[in-house]
Amino acid sequence: MGNALTPRLENAEKTGVLQLSGLKLTKLPEEAKNLERIRSLDLSSNRFEILRPSIAKFTTLKLLNVDNNKMRQFPVELFTLTKLETLSANRNCLVSLVPPGHVVNFGALRSLRFVHLSMNQLTEFPVELCTATIPINMLDLSHNMITAVPSCVSTLQAIELNLNNNRINLVASTIAQCPRLKVLRLESNQLTLEQFPKELFTESQVSLLCVTENKFDMRDFYSLPDYAQYMDRFTAMKKKMT
């Protein structure tokens, strides 16, 4: 392992990018903990079940990739990294963001732009991210087991929210109040027409709404009152892209 690590550590000292992917690691090597000025840390495709509190030492970290590990929660110390812009933890075993009973100030994540939590075991929407001080552009929660989108989603700052392939049967009408939401993906869930928040048509800024493979016929969806208001935004968005 030492031979494999040495060139990666040396490169990290020069570039600020530490690449430790695919090394069968269960914890961060001691030698890596001295590289406190790194900007990017790739721990993907290893065997991590937890990250140690020492992750807080990386105060300049902008990107953390822990895709394809075995993590169930994040350490609370992770959420003190005020410069973190991208957090990617796809294909893990996450059941929550932090251990039960812990109170965390997620508002410190004032640089966080991209959060990727696809293919985990989340059963509840991560309400911790619903705060006006976290300027998220993209939140990917697809391929989890989430059943509902709560009313506090109104304070979520995401521009794009991906909830495809969950078990959602309830979406709070307050989702229409999300101040920056433009893209909402709800495909392959368990929504009925009665449970779909019609406020998304009339009160939101959403210009791309994906809802196929739910418990309704798309022809009935297209016939809903005020659907035309959404289509006006969709058409305007398409024109801007051409």
C-alpha atoms as a PDB file:
ATOM      1  CA  MET A   1       0.000   0.000   0.000  1.00  0.00           C
ATOM      2  CA  GLY A   2       2.840   2.367   0.823  1.00  0.00           C
ATOM      3  CA  ASN A   3       4.260   2.117  -2.682  1.00  0.00           C
ATOM      4  CA  ALA A   4       0.848   2.816  -4.183  1.00  0.00           C
ATOM      5  CA  LEU A   5       0.288   5.793  -1.909  1.00  0.00           C
ATOM      6  CA  THR A   6       3.606   7.581  -2.307  1.00  0.00           C
ATOM      7  CA  PRO A   7       3.122   8.977  -5.830  1.00  0.00           C
ATOM      8  CA  ARG A   8      -0.464   9.945  -5.030  1.00  0.00           C
ATOM      9  CA  LEU A   9       0.596  11.838  -1.920  1.00  0.00           C
ATOM     10  CA  GLU A  10       3.416  13.558  -3.773  1.00  0.00           C
ATOM     11  CA  ASN A  11       1.033  14.593  -6.528  1.00  0.00           C
ATOM     12  CA  ALA A  12      -1.426  15.926  -3.955  1.00  0.00           C
ATOM     13  CA  GLU A  13       1.277  18.120  -2.426  1.00  0.00           C
ATOM     14  CA  LYS A  14       1.875  19.686  -5.842  1.00  0.00           C
ATOM     15  CA  THR A  15      -1.678  19.935  -7.153  1.00  0.00           C
ATOM     16  CA  GLY A  16      -3.989  19.969  -4.145  1.00  0.00           C
ATOM     17  CA  VAL A  17      -5.797  16.936  -5.591  1.00  0.00           C
ATOM     18  CA  LEU A  18      -5.620  13.688  -3.605  1.00  0.00           C
ATOM     19  CA  GLN A  19      -6.769  10.645  -5.567  1.00  0.00           C
ATOM     20  CA  LEU A  20      -7.217   7.526  -3.422  1.00  0.00           C
ATOM     21  CA  SER A  21      -9.852   5.734  -5.469  1.00  0.00           C
ATOM     22  CA  GLY A  22      -9.971   1.946  -5.682  1.00  0.00           C
ATOM     23  CA  LEU A  23      -7.401   1.089  -3.005  1.00  0.00           C
ATOM     24  CA  LYS A  24      -9.669  -1.039  -0.773  1.00  0.00           C
ATOM     25  CA  LEU A  25      -9.256   1.505   2.033  1.00  0.00           C
ATOM     26  CA  THR A  26     -11.354   1.368   5.203  1.00  0.00           C
ATOM     27  CA  LYS A  27      -9.891   4.538   6.679  1.00  0.00           C
ATOM     28  CA  LEU A  28      -7.894   7.528   5.552  1.00  0.00           C
ATOM     29  CA  PRO A  29      -4.141   6.763   5.592  1.00  0.00           C
ATOM     30  CA  GLU A  30      -2.234   8.564   8.326  1.00  0.00           C
ATOM     31  CA  GLU A  31       0.114  10.097   5.750  1.00  0.00           C
ATOM     32  CA  ALA A  32      -2.818  11.766   4.034  1.00  0.00           C
ATOM     33  CA  LYS A  33      -3.921  13.584   7.174  1.00  0.00           C
ATOM     34  CA  ASN A  34      -0.926  15.894   6.887  1.00  0.00           C
ATOM     35  CA  LEU A  35      -2.177  17.231   3.549  1.00  0.00           C
ATOM     36  CA  GLU A  36      -4.503  19.751   5.104  1.00  0.00           C
ATOM     37  CA  ARG A  37      -4.464  22.171   2.146  1.00  0.00           C
ATOM     38  CA  ILE A  38      -5.954  19.875  -0.481  1.00  0.00           C
ATOM     39  CA  ARG A  39      -8.889  21.086  -2.579  1.00  0.00           C
ATOM     40  CA  SER A  40     -10.112  17.731  -3.899  1.00  0.00           C
ATOM     41  CA  LEU A  41     -10.311  14.355  -2.143  1.00  0.00           C
ATOM     42  CA  ASP A  42     -11.381  11.253  -4.069  1.00  0.00           C
ATOM     43  CA  LEU A  43     -12.094   8.239  -1.860  1.00  0.00           C
ATOM     44  CA  SER A  44     -14.451   6.507  -4.274  1.00  0.00           C
ATOM     45  CA  SER A  45     -14.600   2.734  -4.767  1.00  0.00           C
ATOM     46  CA  ASN A  46     -13.112   1.808  -1.416  1.00  0.00           C
ATOM     47  CA  ARG A  47     -14.550   0.140   1.697  1.00  0.00           C
ATOM     48  CA  PHE A  48     -15.297   3.087   3.961  1.00  0.00           C
ATOM     49  CA  GLU A  49     -18.123   2.605   6.437  1.00  0.00           C
ATOM     50  CA  ILE A  50     -17.403   5.888   8.228  1.00  0.00           C
ATOM     51  CA  LEU A  51     -15.243   8.963   7.845  1.00  0.00           C
ATOM     52  CA  ARG A  52     -13.263   9.994  10.896  1.00  0.00           C
ATOM     53  CA  PRO A  53     -13.741  13.400  12.554  1.00  0.00           C
ATOM     54  CA  SER A  54     -10.274  14.305  11.259  1.00  0.00           C
ATOM     55  CA  ILE A  55     -11.959  15.126   7.938  1.00  0.00           C
ATOM     56  CA  ALA A  56     -12.530  18.550   9.494  1.00  0.00           C
ATOM     57  CA  LYS A  57      -8.804  19.272   9.138  1.00  0.00           C
ATOM     58  CA  PHE A  58      -9.216  19.703   5.402  1.00  0.00           C
ATOM     59  CA  THR A  59     -10.470  23.252   5.712  1.00  0.00           C
ATOM     60  CA  THR A  60      -9.724  24.140   2.071  1.00  0.00           C
ATOM     61  CA  LEU A  61     -11.582  21.130   0.655  1.00  0.00           C
ATOM     62  CA  LYS A  62     -13.902  21.961  -2.246  1.00  0.00           C
ATOM     63  CA  LEU A  63     -14.713  18.486  -3.563  1.00  0.00           C
ATOM     64  CA  LEU A  64     -15.264  15.249  -1.649  1.00  0.00           C
ATOM     65  CA  ASN A  65     -16.035  12.065  -3.570  1.00  0.00           C
ATOM     66  CA  VAL A  66     -16.945   8.965  -1.556  1.00  0.00           C
ATOM     67  CA  ASP A  67     -18.951   7.213  -4.264  1.00  0.00           C
ATOM     68  CA  ASN A  68     -19.208   3.434  -4.111  1.00  0.00           C
ATOM     69  CA  ASN A  69     -18.385   2.792  -0.462  1.00  0.00           C
ATOM     70  CA  LYS A  70     -20.400   1.418   2.467  1.00  0.00           C
ATOM     71  CA  MET A  71     -21.130   4.576   4.434  1.00  0.00           C
ATOM     72  CA  ARG A  72     -24.342   4.875   6.487  1.00  0.00           C
ATOM     73  CA  GLN A  73     -23.902   8.441   7.781  1.00  0.00           C
ATOM     74  CA  PHE A  74     -21.458  11.312   7.589  1.00  0.00           C
ATOM     75  CA  PRO A  75     -19.496  12.560  10.593  1.00  0.00           C
ATOM     76  CA  VAL A  76     -20.889  15.825  11.932  1.00  0.00           C
ATOM     77  CA  GLU A  77     -17.442  17.357  11.473  1.00  0.00           C
ATOM     78  CA  LEU A  78     -17.854  17.156   7.707  1.00  0.00           C
ATOM     79  CA  PHE A  79     -20.452  19.891   7.836  1.00  0.00           C
ATOM     80  CA  THR A  80     -17.972  22.419   9.213  1.00  0.00           C
ATOM     81  CA  LEU A  81     -16.168  22.580   5.852  1.00  0.00           C
ATOM     82  CA  THR A  82     -17.246  26.034   4.757  1.00  0.00           C
ATOM     83  CA  LYS A  83     -15.472  25.841   1.379  1.00  0.00           C
ATOM     84  CA  LEU A  84     -16.965  22.504   0.309  1.00  0.00           C
ATOM     85  CA  GLU A  85     -18.675  22.911  -3.068  1.00  0.00           C
ATOM     86  CA  THR A  86     -19.322  19.319  -4.177  1.00  0.00           C
ATOM     87  CA  LEU A  87     -20.303  16.327  -2.056  1.00  0.00           C
ATOM     88  CA  SER A  88     -20.712  13.068  -3.950  1.00  0.00           C
ATOM     89  CA  ALA A  89     -21.758   9.913  -2.103  1.00  0.00           C
ATOM     90  CA  ASN A  90     -23.574   7.864  -4.711  1.00  0.00           C
ATOM     91  CA  ARG A  91     -23.855   4.095  -4.246  1.00  0.00           C
ATOM     92  CA  ASN A  92     -23.410   3.891  -0.491  1.00  0.00           C
ATOM     93  CA  CYS A  93     -25.646   2.671   2.347  1.00  0.00           C
ATOM     94  CA  LEU A  94     -26.726   6.070   3.662  1.00  0.00           C
ATOM     95  CA  VAL A  95     -29.821   5.985   5.858  1.00  0.00           C
ATOM     96  CA  SER A  96     -29.395   9.584   7.067  1.00  0.00           C
ATOM     97  CA  LEU A  97     -26.916  12.415   6.694  1.00  0.00           C
ATOM     98  CA  VAL A  98     -25.740  12.366  10.310  1.00  0.00           C
ATOM     99  CA  PRO A  99     -26.066   9.878  13.186  1.00  0.00           C
ATOM    100  CA  PRO A 100     -29.387  10.056  15.099  1.00  0.00           C
ATOM    101  CA  GLY A 101     -29.470  12.506  17.982  1.00  0.00           C
ATOM    102  CA  HIS A 102     -26.818  14.846  16.601  1.00  0.00           C
ATOM    103  CA  VAL A 103     -27.604  18.518  16.076  1.00  0.00           C
ATOM    104  CA  VAL A 104     -25.647  19.991  13.196  1.00  0.00           C
ATOM    105  CA  ASN A 105     -25.462  23.517  11.817  1.00  0.00           C
ATOM    106  CA  PHE A 106     -25.783  22.781   8.122  1.00  0.00           C
ATOM    107  CA  GLY A 107     -25.915  26.497   7.485  1.00  0.00           C
ATOM    108  CA  ALA A 108     -22.119  26.523   7.664  1.00  0.00           C
ATOM    109  CA  LEU A 109     -22.078  24.889   4.211  1.00  0.00           C
ATOM    110  CA  ARG A 110     -22.348  28.251   2.536  1.00  0.00           C
ATOM    111  CA  SER A 111     -20.329  27.166  -0.526  1.00  0.00           C
ATOM    112  CA  LEU A 112     -22.115  23.873  -1.231  1.00  0.00           C
ATOM    113  CA  ARG A 113     -23.362  23.713  -4.827  1.00  0.00           C
ATOM    114  CA  PHE A 114     -23.654  20.052  -5.828  1.00  0.00           C
ATOM    115  CA  VAL A 115     -24.919  17.166  -3.673  1.00  0.00           C
ATOM    116  CA  HIS A 116     -25.108  13.677  -5.159  1.00  0.00           C
ATOM    117  CA  LEU A 117     -26.720  11.023  -2.946  1.00  0.00           C
ATOM    118  CA  SER A 118     -28.134   8.649  -5.539  1.00  0.00           C
ATOM    119  CA  MET A 119     -28.470   4.911  -4.912  1.00  0.00           C
ATOM    120  CA  ASN A 120     -28.517   4.902  -1.129  1.00  0.00           C
ATOM    121  CA  GLN A 121     -31.057   3.816   1.492  1.00  0.00           C
ATOM    122  CA  LEU A 122     -32.589   7.145   2.457  1.00  0.00           C
ATOM    123  CA  THR A 123     -36.226   6.822   3.515  1.00  0.00           C
ATOM    124  CA  GLU A 124     -36.747  10.474   4.439  1.00  0.00           C
ATOM    125  CA  PHE A 125     -36.036  13.669   2.550  1.00  0.00           C
ATOM    126  CA  PRO A 126     -32.842  15.259   3.991  1.00  0.00           C
ATOM    127  CA  VAL A 127     -34.508  18.292   5.530  1.00  0.00           C
ATOM    128  CA  GLU A 128     -31.143  19.465   6.839  1.00  0.00           C
ATOM    129  CA  LEU A 129     -30.419  20.800   3.354  1.00  0.00           C
ATOM    130  CA  CYS A 130     -33.564  22.938   3.345  1.00  0.00           C
ATOM    131  CA  THR A 131     -31.990  26.162   4.477  1.00  0.00           C
ATOM    132  CA  ALA A 132     -31.605  29.498   2.751  1.00  0.00           C
ATOM    133  CA  THR A 133     -27.876  29.678   3.516  1.00  0.00           C
ATOM    134  CA  ILE A 134     -26.939  26.586   1.458  1.00  0.00           C
ATOM    135  CA  PRO A 135     -26.784  27.707  -2.202  1.00  0.00           C
ATOM    136  CA  ILE A 136     -27.266  24.276  -3.788  1.00  0.00           C
ATOM    137  CA  ASN A 137     -27.517  24.151  -7.567  1.00  0.00           C
ATOM    138  CA  MET A 138     -28.085  20.408  -7.918  1.00  0.00           C
ATOM    139  CA  LEU A 139     -29.486  17.898  -5.409  1.00  0.00           C
ATOM    140  CA  ASP A 140     -29.635  14.295  -6.618  1.00  0.00           C
ATOM    141  CA  LEU A 141     -31.639  11.952  -4.380  1.00  0.00           C
ATOM    142  CA  SER A 142     -32.618   9.471  -7.075  1.00  0.00           C
ATOM    143  CA  HIS A 143     -32.788   5.728  -6.454  1.00  0.00           C
ATOM    144  CA  ASN A 144     -33.515   5.893  -2.733  1.00  0.00           C
ATOM    145  CA  MET A 145     -36.572   4.920  -0.678  1.00  0.00           C
ATOM    146  CA  ILE A 146     -37.969   8.366   0.116  1.00  0.00           C
ATOM    147  CA  THR A 147     -41.762   8.381   0.545  1.00  0.00           C
ATOM    148  CA  ALA A 148     -42.603  12.066   1.002  1.00  0.00           C
ATOM    149  CA  VAL A 149     -41.351  15.562   0.262  1.00  0.00           C
ATOM    150  CA  PRO A 150     -42.051  17.672   3.396  1.00  0.00           C
ATOM    151  CA  SER A 151     -43.340  21.224   3.607  1.00  0.00           C
ATOM    152  CA  CYS A 152     -39.952  22.644   4.618  1.00  0.00           C
ATOM    153  CA  VAL A 153     -38.789  21.971   1.057  1.00  0.00           C
ATOM    154  CA  SER A 154     -39.937  25.531   0.370  1.00  0.00           C
ATOM    155  CA  THR A 155     -36.600  26.824   1.685  1.00  0.00           C
ATOM    156  CA  LEU A 156     -34.492  24.493  -0.459  1.00  0.00           C
ATOM    157  CA  GLN A 157     -32.282  26.576  -2.749  1.00  0.00           C
ATOM    158  CA  ALA A 158     -31.739  23.934  -5.437  1.00  0.00           C
ATOM    159  CA  ILE A 159     -32.058  24.796  -9.109  1.00  0.00           C
ATOM    160  CA  GLU A 160     -32.421  21.108  -9.995  1.00  0.00           C
ATOM    161  CA  LEU A 161     -33.919  18.429  -7.746  1.00  0.00           C
ATOM    162  CA  ASN A 162     -33.782  14.792  -8.841  1.00  0.00           C
ATOM    163  CA  LEU A 163     -36.143  12.451  -6.984  1.00  0.00           C
ATOM    164  CA  ASN A 164     -36.502   9.799  -9.673  1.00  0.00           C
ATOM    165  CA  ASN A 165     -36.923   6.181  -8.610  1.00  0.00           C
ATOM    166  CA  ASN A 166     -38.058   6.615  -5.040  1.00  0.00           C
ATOM    167  CA  ARG A 167     -41.332   5.663  -3.328  1.00  0.00           C
ATOM    168  CA  ILE A 168     -42.819   9.127  -3.128  1.00  0.00           C
ATOM    169  CA  ASN A 169     -46.591   9.291  -2.686  1.00  0.00           C
ATOM    170  CA  LEU A 170     -46.793  12.795  -1.222  1.00  0.00           C
ATOM    171  CA  VAL A 171     -45.223  16.082  -2.295  1.00  0.00           C
ATOM    172  CA  ALA A 172     -45.971  19.153  -0.196  1.00  0.00           C
ATOM    173  CA  SER A 173     -47.566  21.986  -2.142  1.00  0.00           C
ATOM    174  CA  THR A 174     -44.911  24.306  -0.710  1.00  0.00           C
ATOM    175  CA  ILE A 175     -42.443  22.875  -3.217  1.00  0.00           C
ATOM    176  CA  ALA A 176     -43.838  25.514  -5.563  1.00  0.00           C
ATOM    177  CA  GLN A 177     -42.277  28.152  -3.291  1.00  0.00           C
ATOM    178  CA  CYS A 178     -38.708  26.961  -3.861  1.00  0.00           C
ATOM    179  CA  PRO A 179     -37.095  30.243  -4.891  1.00  0.00           C
ATOM    180  CA  ARG A 180     -34.713  28.891  -7.544  1.00  0.00           C
ATOM    181  CA  LEU A 181     -36.160  25.527  -8.602  1.00  0.00           C
ATOM    182  CA  LYS A 182     -36.235  25.149 -12.387  1.00  0.00           C
ATOM    183  CA  VAL A 183     -35.868  21.375 -12.910  1.00  0.00           C
ATOM    184  CA  LEU A 184     -37.864  18.801 -10.936  1.00  0.00           C
ATOM    185  CA  ARG A 185     -37.563  15.086 -11.638  1.00  0.00           C
ATOM    186  CA  LEU A 186     -40.176  12.799 -10.073  1.00  0.00           C
ATOM    187  CA  GLU A 187     -40.188   9.868 -12.472  1.00  0.00           C
ATOM    188  CA  SER A 188     -40.824   6.313 -11.276  1.00  0.00           C
ATOM    189  CA  ASN A 189     -42.547   7.100  -7.997  1.00  0.00           C
ATOM    190  CA  GLN A 190     -46.001   6.391  -6.525  1.00  0.00           C
ATOM    191  CA  LEU A 191     -47.801   9.687  -7.049  1.00  0.00           C
ATOM    192  CA  THR A 192     -51.452   9.886  -8.054  1.00  0.00           C
ATOM    193  CA  LEU A 193     -53.012  12.859  -9.817  1.00  0.00           C
ATOM    194  CA  GLU A 194     -54.810  13.776  -6.589  1.00  0.00           C
ATOM    195  CA  GLN A 195     -51.515  13.898  -4.694  1.00  0.00           C
ATOM    196  CA  PHE A 196     -49.614  15.859  -7.326  1.00  0.00           C
ATOM    197  CA  PRO A 197     -49.169  19.507  -6.204  1.00  0.00           C
ATOM    198  CA  LYS A 198     -50.918  21.569  -8.879  1.00  0.00           C
ATOM    199  CA  GLU A 199     -49.217  24.669  -7.475  1.00  0.00           C
ATOM    200  CA  LEU A 200     -46.180  23.621  -9.512  1.00  0.00           C
ATOM    201  CA  PHE A 201     -48.110  24.736 -12.592  1.00  0.00           C
ATOM    202  CA  THR A 202     -49.266  28.104 -11.322  1.00  0.00           C
ATOM    203  CA  GLU A 203     -46.930  29.287  -8.562  1.00  0.00           C
ATOM    204  CA  SER A 204     -43.477  27.897  -9.339  1.00  0.00           C
ATOM    205  CA  GLN A 205     -40.586  28.690 -11.669  1.00  0.00           C
ATOM    206  CA  VAL A 206     -40.217  25.052 -12.731  1.00  0.00           C
ATOM    207  CA  SER A 207     -39.651  24.854 -16.484  1.00  0.00           C
ATOM    208  CA  LEU A 208     -38.738  21.161 -16.738  1.00  0.00           C
ATOM    209  CA  LEU A 209     -41.022  18.741 -14.911  1.00  0.00           C
ATOM    210  CA  CYS A 210     -40.516  14.981 -15.372  1.00  0.00           C
ATOM    211  CA  VAL A 211     -43.238  12.757 -13.905  1.00  0.00           C
ATOM    212  CA  THR A 212     -43.569   9.655 -16.095  1.00  0.00           C
ATOM    213  CA  GLU A 213     -44.052   6.213 -14.540  1.00  0.00           C
ATOM    214  CA  ASN A 214     -46.215   7.236 -11.624  1.00  0.00           C
ATOM    215  CA  LYS A 215     -49.740   6.082 -10.760  1.00  0.00           C
ATOM    216  CA  PHE A 216     -51.500   8.057 -13.452  1.00  0.00           C
ATOM    217  CA  ASP A 217     -51.885   8.182 -17.200  1.00  0.00           C
ATOM    218  CA  MET A 218     -49.819  10.965 -18.744  1.00  0.00           C
ATOM    219  CA  ARG A 219     -52.763  11.917 -20.967  1.00  0.00           C
ATOM    220  CA  ASP A 220     -54.723  12.741 -17.826  1.00  0.00           C
ATOM    221  CA  PHE A 221     -51.756  14.695 -16.498  1.00  0.00           C
ATOM    222  CA  TYR A 222     -51.572  16.798 -19.655  1.00  0.00           C
ATOM    223  CA  SER A 223     -55.292  17.538 -19.261  1.00  0.00           C
ATOM    224  CA  LEU A 224     -55.002  18.990 -15.766  1.00  0.00           C
ATOM    225  CA  PRO A 225     -56.179  22.581 -15.311  1.00  0.00           C
ATOM    226  CA  ASP A 226     -53.337  25.112 -15.545  1.00  0.00           C
ATOM    227  CA  TYR A 227     -50.935  22.615 -17.166  1.00  0.00           C
ATOM    228  CA  ALA A 228     -50.665  25.162 -19.979  1.00  0.00           C
ATOM    229  CA  GLN A 229     -48.968  27.623 -17.623  1.00  0.00           C
ATOM    230  CA  TYR A 230     -46.156  25.135 -17.088  1.00  0.00           C
ATOM    231  CA  MET A 231     -45.922  24.501 -20.831  1.00  0.00           C
ATOM    232  CA  ASP A 232     -45.465  28.216 -21.438  1.00  0.00           C
ATOM    233  CA  ARG A 233     -42.395  28.167 -19.178  1.00  0.00           C
ATOM    234  CA  PHE A 234     -41.149  24.954 -20.786  1.00  0.00           C
ATOM    235  CA  THR A 235     -41.446  26.445 -24.274  1.00  0.00           C
ATOM    236  CA  ALA A 236     -39.709  29.653 -23.222  1.00  0.00           C
ATOM    237  CA  MET A 237     -36.863  27.627 -21.718  1.00  0.00           C
ATOM    238  CA  LYS A 238     -36.465  25.621 -24.932  1.00  0.00           C
ATOM    239  CA  LYS A 239     -36.308  28.800 -27.002  1.00  0.00           C
ATOM    240  CA  LYS A 240     -33.517  30.147 -24.816  1.00  0.00           C
ATOM    241  CA  MET A 241     -31.522  26.968 -25.389  1.00  0.00           C
ATOM    242  CA  THR A 242     -31.752  27.177 -29.193  1.00  0.00           C
END
